[in-house]
Amino acid sequence: MTSRLKKFGADLSLLTVAIVWGSTFLIVQDATKQTPVYTFLFWRFLLAAVLMILFGLKHLNTIDKKTVFAGFVLGAFLFLGYAFQTFALVYTYSSTVGFITGLNVVIIPFILLIIFKKSVSLYSCTGALIAAVGLYFLSANAQISVGKGEFYAFICAVMFSLQVVFTGFYTRKYDTYPLVFIQFIAVSIFCFFGIFALDNPLLPPKFDYLFIKAIIITSVFATVFAFFVQTAMQKFTSSAKTAILFTFEPIAAGVVGYFFANEIFTNIQLIGAFLIITGMLTAEIGDYVVKKLTHS
């Protein structure tokens, strides 16, 4: 019973992370209209790393070479995910990029099988497929073709999938706090080099209220809180289920857009949201219901 409660608590926490990411989407979108993406990400993750030092310096004493390596691996996957997502947006529609990025929900089971020789439960696979269909509808029927943008978006999805899978692997081997801290440092370093590679400014073009608000909110909630919770909670649940729970992010983004940006949900998008929730419930309670029926 205790183990089941831990798994449920972990899943609920990861759902909260998806809601936080979705809720900050509008803020990030507004901020990156005036600030280059890598410049924004550099300051976001650098501030997150500084906050980790300020509020948990004693936890960093456990850092060793293996933790640094693991943190840089996670940071590399996270940075490459953002990088290829940015490149993809240059060549194709944002709805298409959003849909393909969300396909990590069906990519992760294959990564688990190929790299770690772990199979995923039937209900997680079913839930992932249902959620993927829901993502397609929620993306307002994303226009899918085979082009450079779609290829970059697929690589982005693979990178984010690897970040989730390896977070699940490393979090069972290393302390959460230093692992998250090193990941933030790694993303900051990669973004620093990305800025100069693309001739972007290191300082934001406008150091105004919009930038300051976006950096503080995303650093505190969408970075420190979100990635710490993800890393800590993946000890108690599977990577496949984590990905399914993260598909709730665009629903949260849509709700925030509805109330604060006068955006609307079309009927087809509402169907997509319903399918995502159905996929989450299928993965969450499928095994539990079958076990109950079997033993009744």
Foldseek 3Di string as FASTA:
>chain_A
DVLLVLLVVLLVLLLVLLLLLLLLPVLLVVQCVQFPPLLLLLLLLVVLLVVLCVPPVVVQVQDDPVLLVLLLLLLVLLLLLVVLLVVLVVPFPNLLLQLLLLLLLQVLQVCCCVPVVDHDDPLLNVLSVLLSVLSCLLSVNGDDDDDSSNVSSNSSSVSVSVSLQSLLVCLVPDPLSSSLSSSSVNNSVVSVVVCVVVVHDNDGPDPDPSSVVSSVSCNPRNRNSSSSSSSNSSPSYPSSLSSLSSSCNNVSNQVSCVVPVVDDQDPSNVVSNVSSVVSNCSNSCVVVVVVVVVVD
